[in-house]
Amino acid sequence: MTFQKPRFQKPRFVRLTIAFLTLAVAAGFTQNAAMPQNVEFSTTTYEAPAFYATFPVPDKDKGVTYSSQNVTLKSGATAVMNTYALSLHNDFDAFLIIYCDANLQGDTAGLDIMLDGAIATLENAKPGPKTDSTFSGFRARAVVATSTYTSGQTTGHRTTYERITVQGTRVWQALVLCDKTTNCTEADANRFFNSIKIR
């Protein structure tokens, strides 16, 4: 098995927040005219200190970026949010893994609250029903949401796929953001999610 090492750069396309004790992501993309492109997955495994996963093949001269930021929880405690992100197709699509030691409630109700907080950060989001899922063998909750966004005079449409779980005191979140102008699909999201293995 071949592993890729992380590139330590701040992703410019993503803004991360905590809301109502949740891990959440909102993405603002620079939109350019582009022909629909398929998602091709790498034949190598990306290795990070806390997990490994198979990301898609990056655009030329790009790769998975790592960033961290201190966040303040509702309790007043400070935690570090770790984000690994890959943008594709001129930043139209994104694949993200986020984890934070936040000691949050990991039952169905707690996971659903975190999903609600994440989806609330998306502009004009319309979430579907939450469902039971798995995340690296852990019980998880999942949701799919459609949303619209504006960039200048252009209105775009995006589908966000999300899974979230709690491993001890650590909250894990994985997201795939697929723009309607590309061929990023739910099957691509599930392939990415199912490749994630927590150490």
N, C-alpha and C. Protein backbone atom coordinates (compact mmCIF):
# COMPACT_ATOMS: atom_id res chain seq x y z
N MET A 1 0.84 -1.19 0.00
CA MET A 1 0.00 0.00 0.00
C MET A 1 0.88 1.25 0.00
N THR A 2 0.57 2.18 -0.86
CA THR A 2 1.35 3.42 -0.97
C THR A 2 0.60 4.53 -0.25
N PHE A 3 1.32 5.31 0.53
CA PHE A 3 0.68 6.38 1.30
C PHE A 3 1.15 7.73 0.80
N GLN A 4 0.24 8.69 0.85
CA GLN A 4 0.57 10.07 0.53
C GLN A 4 0.69 10.85 1.83
N LYS A 5 1.67 11.69 1.92
CA LYS A 5 1.85 12.53 3.10
C LYS A 5 1.08 13.83 2.93
N PRO A 6 0.58 14.42 4.04
CA PRO A 6 -0.21 15.64 3.92
C PRO A 6 0.61 16.83 3.51
N ARG A 7 -0.04 17.74 2.78
CA ARG A 7 0.56 19.04 2.46
C ARG A 7 -0.03 20.04 3.46
N PHE A 8 0.83 20.74 4.15
CA PHE A 8 0.36 21.64 5.19
C PHE A 8 0.16 23.03 4.62
N GLN A 9 -1.06 23.25 4.10
CA GLN A 9 -1.44 24.54 3.55
C GLN A 9 -2.84 24.87 4.03
N LYS A 10 -3.17 26.12 4.05
CA LYS A 10 -4.52 26.52 4.41
C LYS A 10 -5.39 26.53 3.18
N PRO A 11 -6.49 25.76 3.17
CA PRO A 11 -7.37 25.81 2.02
C PRO A 11 -8.05 27.16 1.93
N ARG A 12 -8.02 27.77 0.76
CA ARG A 12 -8.59 29.10 0.60
C ARG A 12 -10.08 29.05 0.34
N PHE A 13 -10.59 27.89 -0.05
CA PHE A 13 -11.97 27.84 -0.48
C PHE A 13 -12.93 27.50 0.63
N VAL A 14 -12.44 27.20 1.84
CA VAL A 14 -13.37 26.71 2.85
C VAL A 14 -13.31 27.55 4.12
N ARG A 15 -14.46 27.77 4.75
CA ARG A 15 -14.57 28.50 6.00
C ARG A 15 -15.21 27.57 7.02
N LEU A 16 -14.53 27.38 8.16
CA LEU A 16 -15.00 26.42 9.14
C LEU A 16 -15.56 27.12 10.36
N THR A 17 -16.63 26.60 10.92
CA THR A 17 -17.24 27.19 12.10
C THR A 17 -17.74 26.11 13.04
N ILE A 18 -17.95 26.49 14.30
CA ILE A 18 -18.67 25.65 15.26
C ILE A 18 -19.98 26.36 15.57
N ALA A 19 -21.09 25.64 15.52
CA ALA A 19 -22.39 26.25 15.82
C ALA A 19 -23.20 25.26 16.63
N PHE A 20 -23.74 25.76 17.78
CA PHE A 20 -24.56 24.93 18.66
C PHE A 20 -23.86 23.62 18.97
N LEU A 21 -22.60 23.72 19.40
CA LEU A 21 -21.78 22.57 19.73
C LEU A 21 -21.65 21.61 18.56
N THR A 22 -21.52 22.14 17.36
CA THR A 22 -21.41 21.29 16.18
C THR A 22 -20.13 21.58 15.44
N LEU A 23 -19.72 20.61 14.66
CA LEU A 23 -18.67 20.83 13.66
C LEU A 23 -19.40 21.14 12.38
N ALA A 24 -19.01 22.20 11.70
CA ALA A 24 -19.75 22.60 10.52
C ALA A 24 -18.82 23.13 9.46
N VAL A 25 -19.25 23.08 8.22
CA VAL A 25 -18.46 23.58 7.12
C VAL A 25 -19.33 24.35 6.16
N ALA A 26 -18.79 25.43 5.64
CA ALA A 26 -19.45 26.16 4.57
C ALA A 26 -18.40 26.45 3.53
N ALA A 27 -18.73 26.27 2.30
CA ALA A 27 -17.74 26.47 1.25
C ALA A 27 -18.18 27.56 0.31
N GLY A 28 -17.24 28.46 -0.03
CA GLY A 28 -17.50 29.48 -1.03
C GLY A 28 -16.54 29.27 -2.17
N PHE A 29 -17.06 28.94 -3.32
CA PHE A 29 -16.22 28.56 -4.44
C PHE A 29 -16.15 29.66 -5.48
N THR A 30 -15.00 29.77 -6.11
CA THR A 30 -14.84 30.64 -7.27
C THR A 30 -15.37 29.89 -8.47
N GLN A 31 -16.42 30.40 -9.09
CA GLN A 31 -17.07 29.68 -10.16
C GLN A 31 -16.51 30.11 -11.51
N ASN A 32 -16.13 29.15 -12.31
CA ASN A 32 -15.65 29.39 -13.66
C ASN A 32 -16.38 28.43 -14.59
N ALA A 33 -16.59 28.84 -15.82
CA ALA A 33 -17.23 27.96 -16.79
C ALA A 33 -16.37 26.72 -16.97
N ALA A 34 -17.01 25.54 -16.93
CA ALA A 34 -16.26 24.30 -17.05
C ALA A 34 -17.16 23.22 -17.60
N MET A 35 -16.57 22.33 -18.37
CA MET A 35 -17.31 21.16 -18.85
C MET A 35 -17.42 20.18 -17.68
N PRO A 36 -18.54 19.42 -17.61
CA PRO A 36 -18.67 18.43 -16.54
C PRO A 36 -17.50 17.46 -16.54
N GLN A 37 -16.99 17.16 -15.35
CA GLN A 37 -15.87 16.24 -15.21
C GLN A 37 -16.22 15.15 -14.23
N ASN A 38 -15.74 13.95 -14.47
CA ASN A 38 -15.97 12.84 -13.57
C ASN A 38 -14.96 12.87 -12.43
N VAL A 39 -15.30 12.19 -11.34
CA VAL A 39 -14.40 12.06 -10.20
C VAL A 39 -13.64 10.75 -10.35
N GLU A 40 -12.32 10.86 -10.38
CA GLU A 40 -11.46 9.68 -10.47
C GLU A 40 -10.71 9.54 -9.16
N PHE A 41 -10.78 8.35 -8.55
CA PHE A 41 -10.14 8.17 -7.26
C PHE A 41 -8.69 7.72 -7.41
N SER A 42 -7.88 8.16 -6.47
CA SER A 42 -6.46 7.83 -6.47
C SER A 42 -6.25 6.34 -6.24
N THR A 43 -5.16 5.83 -6.75
CA THR A 43 -4.79 4.44 -6.50
C THR A 43 -3.90 4.33 -5.27
N THR A 44 -3.57 5.45 -4.65
CA THR A 44 -2.77 5.46 -3.43
C THR A 44 -3.61 5.93 -2.25
N THR A 45 -3.20 5.55 -1.08
CA THR A 45 -3.92 5.90 0.14
C THR A 45 -3.28 7.13 0.78
N TYR A 46 -4.12 8.07 1.16
CA TYR A 46 -3.64 9.28 1.84
C TYR A 46 -3.54 8.97 3.33
N GLU A 47 -2.39 9.27 3.92
CA GLU A 47 -2.15 8.96 5.33
C GLU A 47 -2.03 10.24 6.14
N ALA A 48 -2.82 10.33 7.19
CA ALA A 48 -2.73 11.42 8.17
C ALA A 48 -2.47 10.80 9.54
N PRO A 49 -2.05 11.59 10.50
CA PRO A 49 -1.73 11.01 11.81
C PRO A 49 -2.89 10.26 12.47
N ALA A 50 -4.14 10.70 12.25
CA ALA A 50 -5.27 10.11 12.94
C ALA A 50 -6.14 9.20 12.07
N PHE A 51 -5.89 9.18 10.77
CA PHE A 51 -6.73 8.37 9.87
C PHE A 51 -5.98 8.13 8.56
N TYR A 52 -6.54 7.26 7.74
CA TYR A 52 -6.12 7.18 6.35
C TYR A 52 -7.36 7.01 5.49
N ALA A 53 -7.27 7.43 4.22
CA ALA A 53 -8.43 7.43 3.34
C ALA A 53 -7.98 7.53 1.90
N THR A 54 -8.89 7.24 1.00
CA THR A 54 -8.63 7.39 -0.43
C THR A 54 -9.38 8.60 -0.95
N PHE A 55 -8.63 9.63 -1.31
CA PHE A 55 -9.20 10.84 -1.89
C PHE A 55 -9.23 10.71 -3.41
N PRO A 56 -10.01 11.54 -4.08
CA PRO A 56 -9.95 11.57 -5.55
C PRO A 56 -8.59 12.08 -6.04
N VAL A 57 -8.33 11.82 -7.31
CA VAL A 57 -7.13 12.37 -7.95
C VAL A 57 -7.29 13.89 -8.00
N PRO A 58 -6.33 14.64 -7.49
CA PRO A 58 -6.47 16.10 -7.45
C PRO A 58 -6.28 16.75 -8.81
N ASP A 59 -6.74 17.98 -8.91
CA ASP A 59 -6.43 18.77 -10.09
C ASP A 59 -4.92 18.96 -10.17
N LYS A 60 -4.42 19.34 -11.34
CA LYS A 60 -2.99 19.54 -11.53
C LYS A 60 -2.46 20.57 -10.54
N ASP A 61 -1.31 20.26 -9.94
CA ASP A 61 -0.61 21.15 -9.00
C ASP A 61 -1.41 21.40 -7.72
N LYS A 62 -2.37 20.53 -7.41
CA LYS A 62 -3.12 20.66 -6.16
C LYS A 62 -3.07 19.34 -5.41
N GLY A 63 -3.53 19.35 -4.17
CA GLY A 63 -3.57 18.14 -3.37
C GLY A 63 -4.37 18.38 -2.11
N VAL A 64 -4.37 17.39 -1.24
CA VAL A 64 -5.06 17.52 0.04
C VAL A 64 -4.33 18.56 0.88
N THR A 65 -5.08 19.48 1.45
CA THR A 65 -4.49 20.51 2.31
C THR A 65 -4.93 20.28 3.75
N TYR A 66 -4.05 20.61 4.66
CA TYR A 66 -4.35 20.49 6.10
C TYR A 66 -4.38 21.87 6.72
N SER A 67 -5.35 22.09 7.59
CA SER A 67 -5.39 23.33 8.36
C SER A 67 -5.95 23.01 9.74
N SER A 68 -5.63 23.85 10.70
CA SER A 68 -6.18 23.70 12.05
C SER A 68 -6.54 25.08 12.58
N GLN A 69 -7.52 25.11 13.44
CA GLN A 69 -7.89 26.37 14.05
C GLN A 69 -8.49 26.11 15.43
N ASN A 70 -8.26 27.03 16.35
CA ASN A 70 -8.85 26.94 17.67
C ASN A 70 -10.30 27.38 17.60
N VAL A 71 -11.16 26.62 18.25
CA VAL A 71 -12.57 26.96 18.30
C VAL A 71 -13.02 26.96 19.75
N THR A 72 -13.97 27.80 20.06
CA THR A 72 -14.51 27.89 21.42
C THR A 72 -15.85 27.18 21.47
N LEU A 73 -15.95 26.20 22.35
CA LEU A 73 -17.19 25.46 22.51
C LEU A 73 -18.17 26.22 23.38
N LYS A 74 -19.42 25.78 23.36
CA LYS A 74 -20.45 26.44 24.17
C LYS A 74 -20.10 26.41 25.65
N SER A 75 -19.37 25.37 26.06
CA SER A 75 -18.97 25.24 27.46
C SER A 75 -17.92 26.26 27.85
N GLY A 76 -17.32 26.93 26.85
CA GLY A 76 -16.24 27.87 27.10
C GLY A 76 -14.87 27.28 26.89
N ALA A 77 -14.82 25.95 26.76
CA ALA A 77 -13.54 25.28 26.53
C ALA A 77 -13.05 25.56 25.10
N THR A 78 -11.75 25.44 24.92
CA THR A 78 -11.16 25.62 23.59
C THR A 78 -10.74 24.28 23.04
N ALA A 79 -11.01 24.05 21.77
CA ALA A 79 -10.63 22.82 21.10
C ALA A 79 -9.97 23.16 19.77
N VAL A 80 -9.21 22.21 19.23
CA VAL A 80 -8.56 22.40 17.94
C VAL A 80 -9.32 21.61 16.88
N MET A 81 -9.75 22.29 15.85
CA MET A 81 -10.42 21.65 14.73
C MET A 81 -9.38 21.36 13.64
N ASN A 82 -9.27 20.11 13.27
CA ASN A 82 -8.32 19.68 12.25
C ASN A 82 -9.08 19.37 10.97
N THR A 83 -8.66 19.96 9.86
CA THR A 83 -9.38 19.81 8.60
C THR A 83 -8.43 19.38 7.49
N TYR A 84 -8.83 18.34 6.79
CA TYR A 84 -8.13 17.86 5.60
C TYR A 84 -9.09 18.03 4.44
N ALA A 85 -8.71 18.79 3.42
CA ALA A 85 -9.64 19.14 2.36
C ALA A 85 -8.98 19.02 0.99
N LEU A 86 -9.77 18.57 0.04
CA LEU A 86 -9.35 18.50 -1.35
C LEU A 86 -10.43 19.15 -2.21
N SER A 87 -10.04 20.17 -2.96
CA SER A 87 -10.97 20.78 -3.91
C SER A 87 -10.69 20.24 -5.30
N LEU A 88 -11.76 20.09 -6.08
CA LEU A 88 -11.65 19.53 -7.42
C LEU A 88 -12.36 20.41 -8.43
N HIS A 89 -12.01 20.21 -9.69
CA HIS A 89 -12.73 20.82 -10.81
C HIS A 89 -12.83 22.33 -10.65
N ASN A 90 -11.67 22.97 -10.49
CA ASN A 90 -11.61 24.43 -10.31
C ASN A 90 -12.42 24.88 -9.10
N ASP A 91 -12.36 24.09 -8.04
CA ASP A 91 -13.03 24.39 -6.76
C ASP A 91 -14.54 24.26 -6.83
N PHE A 92 -15.07 23.53 -7.80
CA PHE A 92 -16.51 23.30 -7.84
C PHE A 92 -16.91 22.22 -6.83
N ASP A 93 -16.06 21.22 -6.61
CA ASP A 93 -16.36 20.11 -5.71
C ASP A 93 -15.33 20.08 -4.58
N ALA A 94 -15.69 19.45 -3.47
CA ALA A 94 -14.76 19.36 -2.34
C ALA A 94 -15.00 18.09 -1.54
N PHE A 95 -13.91 17.52 -1.03
CA PHE A 95 -13.95 16.33 -0.18
C PHE A 95 -13.21 16.69 1.11
N LEU A 96 -13.87 16.54 2.26
CA LEU A 96 -13.29 16.99 3.52
C LEU A 96 -13.43 15.95 4.62
N ILE A 97 -12.42 15.90 5.49
CA ILE A 97 -12.46 15.14 6.73
C ILE A 97 -12.09 16.11 7.85
N ILE A 98 -12.93 16.17 8.88
CA ILE A 98 -12.72 17.11 9.99
C ILE A 98 -12.83 16.34 11.30
N TYR A 99 -11.92 16.61 12.22
CA TYR A 99 -12.10 16.03 13.55
C TYR A 99 -11.69 17.04 14.62
N CYS A 100 -12.30 16.87 15.79
CA CYS A 100 -12.08 17.81 16.89
C CYS A 100 -12.34 17.09 18.19
N ASP A 101 -11.47 17.27 19.18
CA ASP A 101 -11.68 16.69 20.50
C ASP A 101 -12.60 17.62 21.29
N ALA A 102 -13.89 17.31 21.22
CA ALA A 102 -14.88 18.23 21.80
C ALA A 102 -15.75 17.60 22.87
N ASN A 103 -15.64 16.28 23.07
CA ASN A 103 -16.40 15.59 24.12
C ASN A 103 -17.90 15.89 24.02
N LEU A 104 -18.46 15.62 22.85
CA LEU A 104 -19.87 15.88 22.61
C LEU A 104 -20.68 14.59 22.68
N GLN A 105 -21.98 14.75 22.80
CA GLN A 105 -22.89 13.62 22.94
C GLN A 105 -22.94 12.81 21.65
N GLY A 106 -22.73 11.49 21.76
CA GLY A 106 -22.63 10.66 20.58
C GLY A 106 -23.83 9.79 20.28
N ASP A 107 -24.96 10.00 20.98
CA ASP A 107 -26.15 9.23 20.65
C ASP A 107 -26.84 9.84 19.43
N THR A 108 -27.94 9.24 19.02
CA THR A 108 -28.61 9.71 17.80
C THR A 108 -29.01 11.17 17.90
N ALA A 109 -29.57 11.56 19.05
CA ALA A 109 -30.00 12.95 19.21
C ALA A 109 -28.82 13.91 19.11
N GLY A 110 -27.70 13.55 19.75
CA GLY A 110 -26.53 14.42 19.71
C GLY A 110 -25.95 14.54 18.32
N LEU A 111 -25.88 13.41 17.59
CA LEU A 111 -25.36 13.45 16.23
C LEU A 111 -26.27 14.26 15.31
N ASP A 112 -27.58 14.13 15.52
CA ASP A 112 -28.53 14.88 14.68
C ASP A 112 -28.40 16.39 14.92
N ILE A 113 -28.15 16.79 16.15
CA ILE A 113 -27.95 18.22 16.44
C ILE A 113 -26.73 18.73 15.69
N MET A 114 -25.67 17.92 15.67
CA MET A 114 -24.47 18.34 14.95
C MET A 114 -24.71 18.42 13.44
N LEU A 115 -25.47 17.47 12.90
CA LEU A 115 -25.81 17.54 11.48
C LEU A 115 -26.62 18.80 11.17
N ASP A 116 -27.58 19.10 12.03
CA ASP A 116 -28.40 20.29 11.82
C ASP A 116 -27.54 21.55 11.81
N GLY A 117 -26.58 21.62 12.71
CA GLY A 117 -25.72 22.80 12.78
C GLY A 117 -24.86 22.95 11.54
N ALA A 118 -24.37 21.83 11.03
CA ALA A 118 -23.54 21.88 9.83
C ALA A 118 -24.35 22.32 8.62
N ILE A 119 -25.52 21.74 8.45
CA ILE A 119 -26.36 22.07 7.30
C ILE A 119 -26.83 23.52 7.38
N ALA A 120 -27.03 24.03 8.59
CA ALA A 120 -27.50 25.41 8.76
C ALA A 120 -26.51 26.43 8.23
N THR A 121 -25.24 26.04 8.08
CA THR A 121 -24.25 26.99 7.56
C THR A 121 -24.29 27.11 6.04
N LEU A 122 -25.03 26.22 5.38
CA LEU A 122 -25.12 26.25 3.92
C LEU A 122 -26.23 27.19 3.49
N GLU A 123 -25.97 27.96 2.47
CA GLU A 123 -26.94 28.93 1.97
C GLU A 123 -28.12 28.22 1.33
N ASN A 124 -29.34 28.56 1.78
CA ASN A 124 -30.58 28.01 1.21
C ASN A 124 -30.60 26.49 1.19
N ALA A 125 -30.14 25.87 2.26
CA ALA A 125 -30.05 24.41 2.30
C ALA A 125 -31.41 23.77 2.51
N LYS A 126 -31.63 22.66 1.82
CA LYS A 126 -32.83 21.86 1.98
C LYS A 126 -32.40 20.42 2.27
N PRO A 127 -32.29 20.07 3.56
CA PRO A 127 -31.81 18.73 3.91
C PRO A 127 -32.89 17.67 3.73
N GLY A 128 -32.45 16.47 3.38
CA GLY A 128 -33.34 15.33 3.35
C GLY A 128 -33.41 14.71 4.73
N PRO A 129 -34.04 13.57 4.86
CA PRO A 129 -34.13 12.92 6.17
C PRO A 129 -32.77 12.40 6.63
N LYS A 130 -32.53 12.44 7.92
CA LYS A 130 -31.30 11.89 8.48
C LYS A 130 -31.43 10.36 8.53
N THR A 131 -30.32 9.68 8.30
CA THR A 131 -30.33 8.22 8.27
C THR A 131 -29.19 7.65 9.10
N ASP A 132 -29.35 6.41 9.53
CA ASP A 132 -28.27 5.71 10.21
C ASP A 132 -27.20 5.33 9.19
N SER A 133 -25.95 5.38 9.62
CA SER A 133 -24.85 5.05 8.73
C SER A 133 -23.68 4.54 9.56
N THR A 134 -22.52 4.43 8.93
CA THR A 134 -21.30 4.05 9.64
C THR A 134 -20.17 4.98 9.22
N PHE A 135 -19.17 5.06 10.08
CA PHE A 135 -17.99 5.89 9.82
C PHE A 135 -16.81 5.12 10.41
N SER A 136 -16.05 4.47 9.56
CA SER A 136 -14.91 3.68 10.00
C SER A 136 -15.30 2.65 11.06
N GLY A 137 -16.45 2.03 10.87
CA GLY A 137 -16.92 1.02 11.80
C GLY A 137 -17.71 1.55 12.98
N PHE A 138 -17.73 2.86 13.18
CA PHE A 138 -18.50 3.46 14.26
C PHE A 138 -19.92 3.80 13.77
N ARG A 139 -20.87 3.75 14.69
CA ARG A 139 -22.22 4.16 14.36
C ARG A 139 -22.21 5.64 14.01
N ALA A 140 -22.90 6.00 12.96
CA ALA A 140 -22.89 7.38 12.50
C ALA A 140 -24.29 7.79 12.05
N ARG A 141 -24.44 9.06 11.81
CA ARG A 141 -25.66 9.60 11.20
C ARG A 141 -25.25 10.31 9.93
N ALA A 142 -26.16 10.34 8.98
CA ALA A 142 -25.86 10.91 7.67
C ALA A 142 -27.02 11.76 7.18
N VAL A 143 -26.70 12.69 6.29
CA VAL A 143 -27.74 13.53 5.69
C VAL A 143 -27.24 13.98 4.32
N VAL A 144 -28.20 14.22 3.44
CA VAL A 144 -27.93 14.80 2.13
C VAL A 144 -28.74 16.08 2.02
N ALA A 145 -28.10 17.16 1.60
CA ALA A 145 -28.80 18.45 1.49
C ALA A 145 -28.51 19.08 0.14
N THR A 146 -29.51 19.69 -0.44
CA THR A 146 -29.31 20.48 -1.65
C THR A 146 -29.33 21.95 -1.25
N SER A 147 -28.59 22.76 -1.98
CA SER A 147 -28.54 24.18 -1.65
C SER A 147 -28.23 24.98 -2.90
N THR A 148 -28.54 26.27 -2.83
CA THR A 148 -28.17 27.19 -3.89
C THR A 148 -27.22 28.22 -3.30
N TYR A 149 -26.38 28.79 -4.13
CA TYR A 149 -25.43 29.80 -3.70
C TYR A 149 -25.26 30.81 -4.81
N THR A 150 -24.75 31.95 -4.45
CA THR A 150 -24.50 32.99 -5.45
C THR A 150 -23.02 33.34 -5.47
N SER A 151 -22.51 33.58 -6.65
CA SER A 151 -21.14 34.04 -6.85
C SER A 151 -21.19 35.11 -7.92
N GLY A 152 -21.11 36.36 -7.47
CA GLY A 152 -21.29 37.46 -8.40
C GLY A 152 -22.72 37.48 -8.91
N GLN A 153 -22.90 37.41 -10.21
CA GLN A 153 -24.23 37.40 -10.81
C GLN A 153 -24.71 35.97 -11.08
N THR A 154 -23.94 34.98 -10.68
CA THR A 154 -24.26 33.60 -11.00
C THR A 154 -24.87 32.89 -9.81
N THR A 155 -25.93 32.13 -10.06
CA THR A 155 -26.54 31.28 -9.04
C THR A 155 -26.21 29.84 -9.36
N GLY A 156 -25.68 29.12 -8.37
CA GLY A 156 -25.29 27.73 -8.57
C GLY A 156 -26.08 26.82 -7.66
N HIS A 157 -25.96 25.52 -7.93
CA HIS A 157 -26.68 24.50 -7.16
C HIS A 157 -25.68 23.44 -6.73
N ARG A 158 -25.80 23.02 -5.49
CA ARG A 158 -24.85 22.08 -4.91
C ARG A 158 -25.59 21.04 -4.08
N THR A 159 -25.04 19.83 -4.04
CA THR A 159 -25.52 18.79 -3.13
C THR A 159 -24.40 18.47 -2.15
N THR A 160 -24.75 18.46 -0.87
CA THR A 160 -23.77 18.16 0.18
C THR A 160 -24.13 16.84 0.83
N TYR A 161 -23.15 15.95 0.90
CA TYR A 161 -23.30 14.66 1.57
C TYR A 161 -22.46 14.71 2.85
N GLU A 162 -23.04 14.25 3.95
CA GLU A 162 -22.32 14.37 5.22
C GLU A 162 -22.56 13.16 6.10
N ARG A 163 -21.49 12.73 6.76
CA ARG A 163 -21.57 11.71 7.82
C ARG A 163 -20.86 12.25 9.04
N ILE A 164 -21.36 11.87 10.23
CA ILE A 164 -20.75 12.34 11.47
C ILE A 164 -20.83 11.24 12.52
N THR A 165 -19.78 11.14 13.33
CA THR A 165 -19.75 10.15 14.40
C THR A 165 -18.94 10.70 15.57
N VAL A 166 -19.02 10.01 16.70
CA VAL A 166 -18.22 10.35 17.87
C VAL A 166 -17.42 9.11 18.25
N GLN A 167 -16.11 9.29 18.39
CA GLN A 167 -15.19 8.24 18.81
C GLN A 167 -14.58 8.67 20.14
N GLY A 168 -15.12 8.16 21.24
CA GLY A 168 -14.68 8.62 22.55
C GLY A 168 -15.00 10.08 22.74
N THR A 169 -13.98 10.91 22.91
CA THR A 169 -14.19 12.36 23.05
C THR A 169 -13.96 13.09 21.73
N ARG A 170 -13.73 12.36 20.67
CA ARG A 170 -13.42 12.99 19.38
C ARG A 170 -14.61 12.93 18.44
N VAL A 171 -14.95 14.06 17.87
CA VAL A 171 -16.02 14.14 16.88
C VAL A 171 -15.40 14.09 15.48
N TRP A 172 -15.93 13.25 14.64
CA TRP A 172 -15.47 13.10 13.25
C TRP A 172 -16.58 13.50 12.30
N GLN A 173 -16.19 14.21 11.28
CA GLN A 173 -17.15 14.62 10.26
C GLN A 173 -16.51 14.47 8.89
N ALA A 174 -17.24 13.91 7.94
CA ALA A 174 -16.78 13.83 6.56
C ALA A 174 -17.85 14.44 5.67
N LEU A 175 -17.41 15.25 4.71
CA LEU A 175 -18.33 15.92 3.80
C LEU A 175 -17.84 15.82 2.37
N VAL A 176 -18.79 15.72 1.47
CA VAL A 176 -18.51 15.83 0.04
C VAL A 176 -19.49 16.85 -0.52
N LEU A 177 -18.95 17.88 -1.17
CA LEU A 177 -19.77 18.92 -1.77
C LEU A 177 -19.68 18.79 -3.28
N CYS A 178 -20.81 18.52 -3.92
CA CYS A 178 -20.85 18.28 -5.36
C CYS A 178 -21.65 19.37 -6.05
N ASP A 179 -21.01 20.05 -6.97
CA ASP A 179 -21.69 21.09 -7.74
C ASP A 179 -22.45 20.43 -8.89
N LYS A 180 -23.60 21.01 -9.23
CA LYS A 180 -24.44 20.45 -10.28
C LYS A 180 -23.80 20.55 -11.66
N THR A 181 -22.77 21.37 -11.80
CA THR A 181 -22.12 21.50 -13.11
C THR A 181 -21.08 20.42 -13.37
N THR A 182 -20.83 19.57 -12.38
CA THR A 182 -19.85 18.49 -12.54
C THR A 182 -20.56 17.15 -12.43
N ASN A 183 -19.80 16.08 -12.62
CA ASN A 183 -20.36 14.73 -12.51
C ASN A 183 -20.03 14.08 -11.18
N CYS A 184 -19.85 14.86 -10.15
CA CYS A 184 -19.67 14.36 -8.79
C CYS A 184 -21.01 13.79 -8.31
N THR A 185 -21.00 12.55 -7.78
CA THR A 185 -22.24 11.86 -7.47
C THR A 185 -22.27 11.33 -6.04
N GLU A 186 -23.44 10.85 -5.64
CA GLU A 186 -23.58 10.22 -4.33
C GLU A 186 -22.70 8.98 -4.23
N ALA A 187 -22.55 8.27 -5.33
CA ALA A 187 -21.66 7.10 -5.33
C ALA A 187 -20.22 7.51 -5.03
N ASP A 188 -19.79 8.66 -5.56
CA ASP A 188 -18.44 9.16 -5.26
C ASP A 188 -18.32 9.49 -3.78
N ALA A 189 -19.35 10.13 -3.23
CA ALA A 189 -19.33 10.48 -1.80
C ALA A 189 -19.24 9.22 -0.95
N ASN A 190 -20.05 8.21 -1.25
CA ASN A 190 -20.04 6.99 -0.46
C ASN A 190 -18.71 6.25 -0.58
N ARG A 191 -18.13 6.27 -1.76
CA ARG A 191 -16.82 5.62 -1.92
C ARG A 191 -15.77 6.30 -1.05
N PHE A 192 -15.80 7.62 -1.00
CA PHE A 192 -14.87 8.37 -0.16
C PHE A 192 -15.13 8.07 1.32
N PHE A 193 -16.39 8.18 1.74
CA PHE A 193 -16.73 7.93 3.15
C PHE A 193 -16.28 6.53 3.59
N ASN A 194 -16.56 5.52 2.76
CA ASN A 194 -16.27 4.15 3.13
C ASN A 194 -14.77 3.84 3.13
N SER A 195 -13.97 4.71 2.52
CA SER A 195 -12.53 4.51 2.52
C SER A 195 -11.85 5.01 3.79
N ILE A 196 -12.54 5.83 4.56
CA ILE A 196 -11.94 6.46 5.75
C ILE A 196 -11.78 5.43 6.86
N LYS A 197 -10.57 5.33 7.36
CA LYS A 197 -10.27 4.42 8.47
C LYS A 197 -9.60 5.22 9.59
N ILE A 198 -10.26 5.27 10.74
CA ILE A 198 -9.71 5.96 11.90
C ILE A 198 -8.67 5.06 12.57
N ARG A 199 -7.54 5.64 12.95
CA ARG A 199 -6.49 4.86 13.58
C ARG A 199 -6.83 4.56 15.04
